[in-house]
Amino acid sequence: MNKSIIILLSLLLSFSTGYSQTKFGIKAGMNISNAHFEFNYLSNYTNKIAYNAGVLSEITISKLFIFRPELIYSKKGFGFPSAGTSGSGNLNYHYINMPVLLGIKPIKQLSILLGPEFGYLLKAISRFDKVNHDVSQNFQKVDLGLSAGLCYYIKSNFAVEMRYTKGFNLLLKSLTWTDSNGNYLSTTRSGNNRLFQIGFIYYPFLNNSKNQSPPK
């Protein structure tokens, strides 16, 4: 796990070299997450509210385009109803995510973002009947998704962002579903994360290349 995080950090820093201007920033915000599976009866699963936090670099390619790699800790999941003798509860996924986004700036204050998001599952915890259960073995370690969003720059070093990420069908290794009476329904290996985020970005540093004039 630690080796994977070091590799992701190295990639994030390497993306930031060789460009005319790079902003290094920190971000934090709120997650509203759920998951989609192949059974219609799972539509009564409820959204889970959690958080995300991490670092990013915003690389200016031109006046119109930016490149945005990020490294984010993100807590996702959903709430589920009671089943059989078990009460209702929630499922919590703990991810390290690396969005790799391209941004288009129609105006100076606004970026439209789109790109893939790569995730590494640290652990998955199911909580019901006031007890935590580690269910990490049921889920794939690697998660892939597509992200789209808007970033509005309130100041040059401060921005607010909204983003939606839809995962591909790579969530489950194998999981058995039952109905409310505990009767077997099926075993599935599909499923994908659905995530809406809103948060804030702060850029404490601005790195200028040798090609730019020094500040006066």
Protein backbone atom coordinates (compact mmCIF):
# COMPACT_ATOMS: atom_id res chain seq x y z
CA MET A 1 0.00 0.00 0.00
CA ASN A 2 2.75 2.47 0.99
CA LYS A 3 4.68 1.67 -2.19
CA SER A 4 1.62 2.47 -4.32
CA ILE A 5 1.18 5.84 -2.60
CA ILE A 6 4.86 6.73 -3.15
CA ILE A 7 4.53 5.87 -6.86
CA LEU A 8 1.41 8.06 -7.18
CA LEU A 9 3.18 10.96 -5.43
CA SER A 10 6.15 10.62 -7.78
CA LEU A 11 3.84 10.72 -10.80
CA LEU A 12 2.07 13.78 -9.45
CA LEU A 13 5.35 15.66 -9.07
CA SER A 14 6.75 14.50 -12.41
CA PHE A 15 3.69 15.85 -14.23
CA SER A 16 4.56 19.29 -12.89
CA THR A 17 7.95 19.69 -14.60
CA GLY A 18 8.68 21.37 -17.92
CA TYR A 19 5.69 23.72 -18.07
CA SER A 20 5.60 27.50 -17.99
CA GLN A 21 3.55 27.81 -14.81
CA THR A 22 2.52 25.39 -12.09
CA LYS A 23 0.34 26.01 -9.05
CA PHE A 24 0.66 23.57 -6.16
CA GLY A 25 -2.44 23.39 -4.03
CA ILE A 26 -4.33 21.65 -1.27
CA LYS A 27 -8.01 20.78 -1.37
CA ALA A 28 -10.75 19.48 0.88
CA GLY A 29 -14.47 18.99 0.55
CA MET A 30 -17.61 16.95 0.96
CA ASN A 31 -18.48 13.67 -0.77
CA ILE A 32 -22.04 12.59 -1.53
CA SER A 33 -21.67 9.00 -2.70
CA ASN A 34 -23.66 5.94 -3.63
CA ALA A 35 -23.13 2.78 -5.69
CA HIS A 36 -25.01 1.12 -8.51
CA PHE A 37 -25.48 -2.64 -8.81
CA GLU A 38 -27.34 -4.84 -11.27
CA PHE A 39 -30.41 -5.41 -9.07
CA ASN A 40 -33.30 -2.96 -9.25
CA TYR A 41 -34.24 -3.51 -5.63
CA LEU A 42 -30.98 -1.86 -4.59
CA SER A 43 -32.43 1.49 -5.64
CA ASN A 44 -33.47 2.03 -2.02
CA TYR A 45 -29.84 2.37 -1.01
CA THR A 46 -29.22 5.85 0.42
CA ASN A 47 -26.51 8.40 -0.24
CA LYS A 48 -23.60 8.64 2.15
CA ILE A 49 -22.07 11.97 3.13
CA ALA A 50 -18.34 11.90 3.84
CA TYR A 51 -15.22 13.90 2.97
CA ASN A 52 -12.14 14.15 0.77
CA ALA A 53 -8.78 15.88 1.16
CA GLY A 54 -5.50 15.95 -0.70
CA VAL A 55 -2.98 17.78 -2.88
CA LEU A 56 -2.85 18.81 -6.52
CA SER A 57 -0.85 20.63 -9.14
CA GLU A 58 -2.44 22.86 -11.74
CA ILE A 59 -0.26 23.17 -14.83
CA THR A 60 -0.91 25.94 -17.33
CA ILE A 61 -0.53 24.64 -20.88
CA SER A 62 -1.90 27.75 -22.60
CA LYS A 63 -4.44 30.50 -21.96
CA LEU A 64 -7.18 28.02 -22.83
CA PHE A 65 -5.94 24.72 -21.33
CA ILE A 66 -4.69 23.48 -17.98
CA PHE A 67 -3.62 20.04 -16.76
CA ARG A 68 -4.66 18.95 -13.25
CA PRO A 69 -3.21 15.80 -11.61
CA GLU A 70 -4.34 15.22 -8.00
CA LEU A 71 -3.73 12.83 -5.13
CA ILE A 72 -6.77 12.57 -2.86
CA TYR A 73 -7.91 10.59 0.16
CA SER A 74 -11.62 10.01 -0.42
CA LYS A 75 -14.22 8.28 1.73
CA LYS A 76 -17.14 6.83 -0.24
CA GLY A 77 -19.98 4.36 0.32
CA PHE A 78 -23.74 4.15 0.83
CA GLY A 79 -26.42 3.31 3.38
CA PHE A 80 -28.34 0.03 3.11
CA PRO A 81 -31.66 -1.19 4.55
CA SER A 82 -32.13 -4.05 6.98
CA ALA A 83 -31.87 -7.59 5.57
CA GLY A 84 -32.98 -10.73 7.37
CA THR A 85 -31.92 -10.55 11.01
CA SER A 86 -29.48 -7.71 10.39
CA GLY A 87 -30.43 -4.09 10.86
CA SER A 88 -29.78 -1.22 8.49
CA GLY A 89 -26.29 0.14 8.20
CA ASN A 90 -23.73 1.61 5.85
CA LEU A 91 -20.77 0.58 3.75
CA ASN A 92 -17.63 2.73 3.86
CA TYR A 93 -14.89 2.68 1.22
CA HIS A 94 -11.54 4.31 1.98
CA TYR A 95 -9.71 5.24 -1.24
CA ILE A 96 -6.57 6.92 -2.43
CA ASN A 97 -7.65 8.51 -5.72
CA MET A 98 -5.62 10.06 -8.52
CA PRO A 99 -7.73 12.13 -10.91
CA VAL A 100 -5.84 13.15 -14.07
CA LEU A 101 -7.87 15.99 -15.55
CA LEU A 102 -7.72 18.30 -18.54
CA GLY A 103 -9.26 21.72 -18.04
CA ILE A 104 -10.65 24.19 -20.56
CA LYS A 105 -10.87 27.84 -19.47
CA PRO A 106 -13.59 29.68 -21.43
CA ILE A 107 -12.98 32.65 -19.12
CA LYS A 108 -10.15 33.40 -16.70
CA GLN A 109 -12.16 32.55 -13.56
CA LEU A 110 -13.67 29.25 -14.76
CA SER A 111 -12.27 25.82 -15.66
CA ILE A 112 -14.29 22.96 -17.14
CA LEU A 113 -12.62 19.70 -16.06
CA LEU A 114 -12.76 16.22 -17.57
CA GLY A 115 -10.61 13.11 -17.23
CA PRO A 116 -10.08 9.65 -15.73
CA GLU A 117 -9.80 8.91 -12.03
CA PHE A 118 -7.70 6.03 -10.74
CA GLY A 119 -8.43 4.66 -7.28
CA TYR A 120 -6.74 2.31 -4.83
CA LEU A 121 -8.94 0.79 -2.11
CA LEU A 122 -7.34 0.94 1.33
CA LYS A 123 -10.21 -0.82 3.11
CA ALA A 124 -13.96 -1.41 2.99
CA ILE A 125 -15.91 -1.44 6.25
CA SER A 126 -19.54 -2.50 6.60
CA ARG A 127 -21.23 -1.24 9.76
CA PHE A 128 -24.54 -2.67 10.97
CA ASP A 129 -25.99 -3.57 14.36
CA LYS A 130 -23.42 -1.10 15.80
CA VAL A 131 -20.52 -3.37 14.78
CA ASN A 132 -17.85 -2.79 12.12
CA HIS A 133 -17.07 -5.63 9.70
CA ASP A 134 -14.04 -5.59 7.41
CA VAL A 135 -15.33 -6.62 3.97
CA SER A 136 -12.30 -5.50 1.93
CA GLN A 137 -11.89 -9.00 0.49
CA ASN A 138 -15.16 -8.58 -1.47
CA PHE A 139 -13.96 -5.57 -3.45
CA GLN A 140 -11.43 -4.88 -6.16
CA LYS A 141 -8.33 -2.98 -5.05
CA VAL A 142 -8.23 -0.90 -8.23
CA ASP A 143 -11.14 1.35 -9.16
CA LEU A 144 -11.50 3.36 -12.37
CA GLY A 145 -13.91 6.16 -13.18
CA LEU A 146 -14.57 9.21 -15.31
CA SER A 147 -14.78 12.65 -13.70
CA ALA A 148 -16.30 15.90 -14.92
CA GLY A 149 -16.67 19.17 -13.10
CA LEU A 150 -16.40 22.93 -12.81
CA CYS A 151 -13.84 24.98 -10.90
CA TYR A 152 -14.46 28.67 -10.21
CA TYR A 153 -11.55 30.86 -9.06
CA ILE A 154 -12.76 33.34 -6.46
CA LYS A 155 -9.19 34.66 -6.21
CA SER A 156 -5.99 33.68 -7.98
CA ASN A 157 -5.09 31.40 -5.06
CA PHE A 158 -8.56 30.25 -3.96
CA ALA A 159 -11.25 28.32 -5.83
CA VAL A 160 -14.49 26.41 -5.30
CA GLU A 161 -15.19 23.22 -7.23
CA MET A 162 -18.03 20.82 -8.06
CA ARG A 163 -17.37 17.41 -9.60
CA TYR A 164 -19.19 14.21 -10.51
CA THR A 165 -17.42 10.86 -10.93
CA LYS A 166 -18.97 7.70 -12.35
CA GLY A 167 -17.06 4.48 -11.79
CA PHE A 168 -16.84 1.61 -14.24
CA ASN A 169 -18.20 -1.85 -13.37
CA LEU A 170 -15.14 -2.92 -11.41
CA LEU A 171 -16.28 -2.56 -7.82
CA LEU A 172 -16.98 -6.10 -6.64
CA LYS A 173 -14.89 -9.25 -6.64
CA SER A 174 -17.84 -11.32 -5.53
CA LEU A 175 -20.77 -10.53 -3.28
CA THR A 176 -23.93 -12.48 -2.43
CA TRP A 177 -27.19 -10.53 -2.19
CA THR A 178 -30.24 -11.55 -0.18
CA ASP A 179 -33.73 -10.10 0.11
CA SER A 180 -35.26 -8.57 3.25
CA ASN A 181 -36.07 -12.09 4.51
CA GLY A 182 -32.52 -13.34 4.08
CA ASN A 183 -33.32 -15.46 1.01
CA TYR A 184 -30.56 -15.87 -1.58
CA LEU A 185 -31.00 -13.76 -4.70
CA SER A 186 -27.76 -13.90 -6.63
CA THR A 187 -24.00 -13.45 -6.58
CA THR A 188 -22.65 -10.47 -8.48
CA ARG A 189 -19.25 -9.26 -9.57
CA SER A 190 -20.31 -5.93 -11.00
CA GLY A 191 -21.09 -2.60 -9.37
CA ASN A 192 -19.71 0.91 -9.65
CA ASN A 193 -19.21 3.96 -7.47
CA ARG A 194 -21.22 7.16 -8.02
CA LEU A 195 -19.80 10.30 -6.44
CA PHE A 196 -20.65 14.01 -6.27
CA GLN A 197 -18.11 16.33 -4.67
CA ILE A 198 -18.06 19.95 -3.64
CA GLY A 199 -15.04 21.55 -2.08
CA PHE A 200 -12.42 24.27 -1.87
CA ILE A 201 -8.90 24.60 -3.26
CA TYR A 202 -6.13 26.78 -1.88
CA TYR A 203 -2.87 27.47 -3.75
CA PRO A 204 -0.20 28.55 -1.24
CA PHE A 205 2.63 28.37 -3.80
CA LEU A 206 3.13 29.48 -7.38
CA ASN A 207 6.09 28.00 -9.26
CA ASN A 208 7.37 30.06 -12.21
CA SER A 209 9.75 28.66 -14.79
CA LYS A 210 13.01 30.25 -15.97
CA ASN A 211 11.17 31.48 -19.07
CA GLN A 212 9.13 33.91 -17.01
CA SER A 213 10.39 37.29 -15.85
CA PRO A 214 11.24 37.53 -12.14
CA PRO A 215 8.89 39.56 -9.98
CA LYS A 216 9.74 43.25 -9.69
